[in-house]
Amino acid sequence: MGIGVSAWPLAGYARRRRGLVVVLSAVVSVCAVLVGCSPSGVAPGPSVTTSERPAIPAPWVPAHPIALTTMSEADAMDLRAKHLAGEVQGLVDPPVVELVRWTTWADWGTTVAQCLQDAGFNVVGAGSTLLFPDSFAPAQQSAFNLAFYVCDSKYTLNPKYGQPLTADQLGLWYDYEVEWLVPCLASLGVTVSQPPTRETFIAHGLQHDITWSPSNEADTAVQASPEKETVMYETCPTYPLQYMWG
């Protein structure tokens, strides 16, 4: 069974990927530690393959768009420096790597995976997640850590995605999940538990406690197949990026 790693956590919200609580700087070592089981209400994983993709649902448009927050390039670069400083630990004389471009939740995984593949590692990207079909030999750990540092430095996830979510963002995310994401997952054969009320979701979210997550439940349902997980992320994105962050 493969393992998965997500980009840096969203504003302190623990993001569970394939039964793992993931912190980016830990990468492979953390991925070896299982911390949970399948949530209740999760149906068996979909049978769809990359050659049998379902029709993608019509794009979602919010009934009540929200005002988008902004971040200056200077602030973003400062946060990037702090983020990368956390990844330097354990590396001997890490190189200074220029930013090639910012990535988003939609393409961080695929972009960094391609960079790691170019460095000789078998990694698959899906949305904001890296999937590892094979485990690495201990002798490869240092080389992987360096390659990951270089790739993440070149294609850093824009720090705006890591800021605490506002009540407006949480409400819009809830609407997206209930109105579009859950039906999209159902088209792949994955059903999830019933949502809380919108008010409850927002209240918990403001405390950095996302207690209902269709993506995480679906992620558990397809955890045995990186191919199915890739199809899921590409067909049913976790976030309505343009409406939550612009």
Protein backbone atom coordinates (compact mmCIF):
# COMPACT_ATOMS: atom_id res chain seq x y z
CA MET A 1 0.00 0.00 0.00
CA GLY A 2 1.31 3.46 -0.85
CA ILE A 3 1.54 6.41 1.47
CA GLY A 4 0.58 10.04 1.06
CA VAL A 5 1.89 13.46 2.02
CA SER A 6 0.03 16.75 1.82
CA ALA A 7 1.35 20.26 1.43
CA TRP A 8 1.81 22.32 4.59
CA PRO A 9 -1.28 22.16 6.85
CA LEU A 10 -4.09 24.59 6.19
CA ALA A 11 -3.96 27.20 8.94
CA GLY A 12 -3.39 24.61 11.66
CA TYR A 13 -6.23 22.35 10.55
CA ALA A 14 -5.04 18.75 10.80
CA ARG A 15 -5.45 17.31 7.31
CA ARG A 16 -5.73 13.53 7.33
CA ARG A 17 -4.43 11.73 4.28
CA ARG A 18 -4.80 7.98 3.91
CA GLY A 19 -5.14 7.48 7.65
CA LEU A 20 -2.13 9.68 8.43
CA VAL A 21 -1.79 13.04 10.10
CA VAL A 22 0.80 14.70 7.90
CA VAL A 23 3.22 17.51 8.62
CA LEU A 24 5.18 18.48 5.54
CA SER A 25 8.62 18.78 7.12
CA ALA A 26 8.44 15.20 8.40
CA VAL A 27 7.56 13.72 4.99
CA VAL A 28 8.53 10.03 4.84
CA SER A 29 9.23 9.43 8.53
CA VAL A 30 5.77 10.62 9.62
CA CYS A 31 4.10 8.70 6.82
CA ALA A 32 5.13 5.42 8.37
CA VAL A 33 2.96 6.02 11.45
CA LEU A 34 -0.69 5.04 11.17
CA VAL A 35 -2.99 7.06 13.41
CA GLY A 36 -6.56 6.25 12.55
CA CYS A 37 -9.16 4.01 11.02
CA SER A 38 -11.92 4.56 8.50
CA PRO A 39 -14.56 7.10 9.59
CA SER A 40 -18.10 5.84 9.96
CA GLY A 41 -20.37 6.21 6.97
CA VAL A 42 -17.65 5.65 4.36
CA ALA A 43 -18.63 3.36 1.52
CA PRO A 44 -16.15 1.06 -0.27
CA GLY A 45 -13.76 2.78 -2.66
CA PRO A 46 -14.78 3.45 -6.27
CA SER A 47 -14.06 1.02 -9.06
CA VAL A 48 -13.21 3.77 -11.55
CA THR A 49 -9.77 3.75 -13.17
CA THR A 50 -7.89 6.45 -15.03
CA SER A 51 -9.16 4.99 -18.31
CA GLU A 52 -12.79 5.02 -17.11
CA ARG A 53 -13.23 8.48 -15.64
CA PRO A 54 -16.77 9.65 -14.93
CA ALA A 55 -18.15 12.86 -16.37
CA ILE A 56 -16.98 15.83 -14.31
CA PRO A 57 -19.96 17.68 -12.78
CA ALA A 58 -20.77 21.16 -14.02
CA PRO A 59 -18.62 23.82 -12.32
CA TRP A 60 -19.85 25.08 -8.98
CA VAL A 61 -20.70 28.76 -8.60
CA PRO A 62 -21.45 30.16 -5.13
CA ALA A 63 -24.82 31.73 -4.61
CA HIS A 64 -23.20 34.28 -2.31
CA PRO A 65 -19.58 35.09 -3.29
CA ILE A 66 -17.32 36.43 -0.55
CA ALA A 67 -14.77 39.24 -0.46
CA LEU A 68 -11.31 37.78 -1.01
CA THR A 69 -8.39 38.50 1.31
CA THR A 70 -5.07 39.63 -0.14
CA MET A 71 -1.40 39.08 0.70
CA SER A 72 1.54 41.14 -0.52
CA GLU A 73 4.40 39.44 -2.36
CA ALA A 74 6.79 40.59 0.37
CA ASP A 75 4.69 38.95 3.08
CA ALA A 76 4.36 35.79 1.00
CA MET A 77 8.12 35.55 0.51
CA ASP A 78 8.71 36.10 4.23
CA LEU A 79 6.34 33.25 5.08
CA ARG A 80 8.01 31.07 2.44
CA ALA A 81 11.39 31.67 4.07
CA LYS A 82 10.02 30.62 7.47
CA HIS A 83 8.40 27.55 5.93
CA LEU A 84 11.61 26.44 4.20
CA ALA A 85 13.67 27.10 7.33
CA GLY A 86 11.65 24.37 9.00
CA GLU A 87 12.56 21.94 6.23
CA VAL A 88 16.29 22.66 6.41
CA GLN A 89 16.61 20.71 9.65
CA GLY A 90 18.60 17.55 9.04
CA LEU A 91 20.05 18.75 5.74
CA VAL A 92 23.78 19.33 5.45
CA ASP A 93 24.63 22.59 3.70
CA PRO A 94 21.27 22.94 1.88
CA PRO A 95 21.39 24.99 -1.32
CA VAL A 96 19.75 28.37 -1.81
CA VAL A 97 16.93 27.68 -4.27
CA GLU A 98 15.07 30.42 -6.09
CA LEU A 99 11.29 30.31 -6.37
CA VAL A 100 10.27 29.28 -9.88
CA ARG A 101 6.57 29.93 -9.26
CA TRP A 102 3.93 29.69 -6.57
CA THR A 103 1.69 26.63 -6.65
CA THR A 104 -1.91 26.16 -5.48
CA TRP A 105 -3.83 23.41 -3.71
CA ALA A 106 -4.74 22.17 -7.18
CA ASP A 107 -1.22 21.68 -8.55
CA TRP A 108 1.32 21.53 -5.70
CA GLY A 109 1.24 17.73 -5.63
CA THR A 110 1.49 17.17 -9.38
CA THR A 111 4.21 19.81 -9.79
CA VAL A 112 6.42 18.67 -6.93
CA ALA A 113 5.88 15.02 -7.90
CA GLN A 114 7.18 15.71 -11.41
CA CYS A 115 10.21 17.46 -9.93
CA LEU A 116 10.87 14.47 -7.65
CA GLN A 117 10.42 12.06 -10.56
CA ASP A 118 13.06 14.02 -12.46
CA ALA A 119 15.32 13.46 -9.44
CA GLY A 120 14.74 9.70 -9.68
CA PHE A 121 12.01 9.07 -7.10
CA ASN A 122 8.78 7.18 -7.76
CA VAL A 123 6.23 9.75 -6.60
CA VAL A 124 2.73 10.47 -7.89
CA GLY A 125 1.02 13.83 -7.42
CA ALA A 126 -2.69 14.37 -6.84
CA GLY A 127 -4.05 17.80 -5.95
CA SER A 128 -2.17 18.97 -2.87
CA THR A 129 -0.95 15.47 -2.06
CA LEU A 130 2.10 13.35 -2.87
CA LEU A 131 1.55 9.61 -3.14
CA PHE A 132 4.36 7.11 -2.67
CA PRO A 133 3.51 3.76 -4.35
CA ASP A 134 6.81 2.31 -3.09
CA SER A 135 8.67 2.71 0.18
CA PHE A 136 12.16 4.19 0.19
CA ALA A 137 15.22 2.32 1.37
CA PRO A 138 16.86 3.93 4.43
CA ALA A 139 19.90 4.73 2.30
CA GLN A 140 17.71 6.95 0.09
CA GLN A 141 16.33 9.06 2.93
CA SER A 142 18.95 11.81 2.83
CA ALA A 143 18.83 12.06 -0.96
CA PHE A 144 15.04 12.26 -0.89
CA ASN A 145 15.03 14.92 1.83
CA LEU A 146 17.35 17.08 -0.24
CA ALA A 147 15.37 16.53 -3.46
CA PHE A 148 12.13 17.36 -1.67
CA TYR A 149 13.61 20.53 -0.20
CA VAL A 150 14.78 21.66 -3.64
CA CYS A 151 11.47 20.84 -5.34
CA ASP A 152 9.33 22.45 -2.64
CA SER A 153 11.59 25.52 -2.74
CA LYS A 154 11.10 25.85 -6.50
CA TYR A 155 7.34 25.31 -6.36
CA THR A 156 6.26 26.46 -2.91
CA LEU A 157 2.57 26.41 -2.10
CA ASN A 158 1.42 30.03 -1.96
CA PRO A 159 1.31 30.97 1.75
CA LYS A 160 -2.11 32.56 1.34
CA TYR A 161 -3.57 29.05 1.54
CA GLY A 162 -2.03 28.57 4.96
CA GLN A 163 -3.69 31.54 6.66
CA PRO A 164 -6.51 31.02 9.18
CA LEU A 165 -9.84 30.71 7.43
CA THR A 166 -12.42 33.40 8.07
CA ALA A 167 -16.05 32.68 8.87
CA ASP A 168 -16.93 33.71 5.31
CA GLN A 169 -14.39 31.29 3.83
CA LEU A 170 -15.60 28.47 6.05
CA GLY A 171 -19.22 29.11 5.10
CA LEU A 172 -18.38 29.12 1.42
CA TRP A 173 -16.33 25.92 1.80
CA TYR A 174 -19.27 24.25 3.55
CA ASP A 175 -21.65 25.26 0.77
CA TYR A 176 -19.23 23.88 -1.82
CA GLU A 177 -18.86 20.58 0.01
CA VAL A 178 -22.59 20.06 0.52
CA GLU A 179 -23.77 21.35 -2.86
CA TRP A 180 -21.01 20.05 -5.15
CA LEU A 181 -18.26 17.95 -3.55
CA VAL A 182 -20.47 15.31 -1.93
CA PRO A 183 -22.43 14.70 -5.19
CA CYS A 184 -19.13 14.63 -7.10
CA LEU A 185 -17.74 11.96 -4.77
CA ALA A 186 -20.99 10.03 -5.12
CA SER A 187 -20.43 9.97 -8.90
CA LEU A 188 -17.23 8.03 -8.12
CA GLY A 189 -19.10 5.58 -5.95
CA VAL A 190 -18.03 7.09 -2.61
CA THR A 191 -20.59 8.15 -0.02
CA VAL A 192 -19.71 10.07 3.14
CA SER A 193 -21.32 10.82 6.49
CA GLN A 194 -24.05 13.40 6.97
CA PRO A 195 -22.81 16.99 7.38
CA PRO A 196 -23.27 19.04 10.53
CA THR A 197 -25.22 22.26 10.32
CA ARG A 198 -23.54 25.16 8.55
CA GLU A 199 -23.34 27.08 11.81
CA THR A 200 -21.68 24.16 13.61
CA PHE A 201 -19.16 23.68 10.79
CA ILE A 202 -18.17 27.34 10.88
CA ALA A 203 -17.95 27.46 14.67
CA HIS A 204 -15.66 24.42 14.79
CA GLY A 205 -13.63 25.71 11.86
CA LEU A 206 -12.90 28.99 13.61
CA GLN A 207 -11.38 26.86 16.39
CA HIS A 208 -9.23 25.00 13.83
CA ASP A 209 -11.34 21.90 14.33
CA ILE A 210 -12.77 20.53 11.08
CA THR A 211 -14.87 17.66 12.38
CA TRP A 212 -16.56 16.85 9.05
CA SER A 213 -14.47 16.44 5.90
CA PRO A 214 -15.86 14.66 2.83
CA SER A 215 -12.42 14.66 1.21
CA ASN A 216 -10.77 12.97 4.18
CA GLU A 217 -13.50 10.34 4.39
CA ALA A 218 -13.25 9.67 0.66
CA ASP A 219 -9.47 9.59 0.96
CA THR A 220 -9.77 6.73 3.45
CA ALA A 221 -12.16 4.91 1.13
CA VAL A 222 -9.64 4.80 -1.72
CA GLN A 223 -6.46 4.51 0.35
CA ALA A 224 -5.48 1.15 -1.15
CA SER A 225 -5.16 2.55 -4.67
CA PRO A 226 -3.03 5.56 -5.65
CA GLU A 227 -4.67 5.42 -9.09
CA LYS A 228 -8.16 5.80 -7.62
CA GLU A 229 -6.94 8.54 -5.31
CA THR A 230 -5.47 10.44 -8.25
CA VAL A 231 -8.77 10.19 -10.15
CA MET A 232 -10.65 11.39 -7.07
CA TYR A 233 -8.50 14.49 -6.53
CA GLU A 234 -8.58 15.44 -10.18
CA THR A 235 -12.33 14.93 -10.53
CA CYS A 236 -13.49 16.25 -7.16
CA PRO A 237 -11.15 18.99 -5.84
CA THR A 238 -11.22 19.56 -2.09
CA TYR A 239 -11.57 23.34 -2.28
CA PRO A 240 -13.29 25.90 -4.54
CA LEU A 241 -9.95 27.67 -4.96
CA GLN A 242 -10.94 30.70 -7.01
CA TYR A 243 -13.87 31.54 -4.74
CA MET A 244 -12.06 30.98 -1.41
CA TRP A 245 -8.71 32.61 -2.26
CA GLY A 246 -8.90 34.05 -5.76
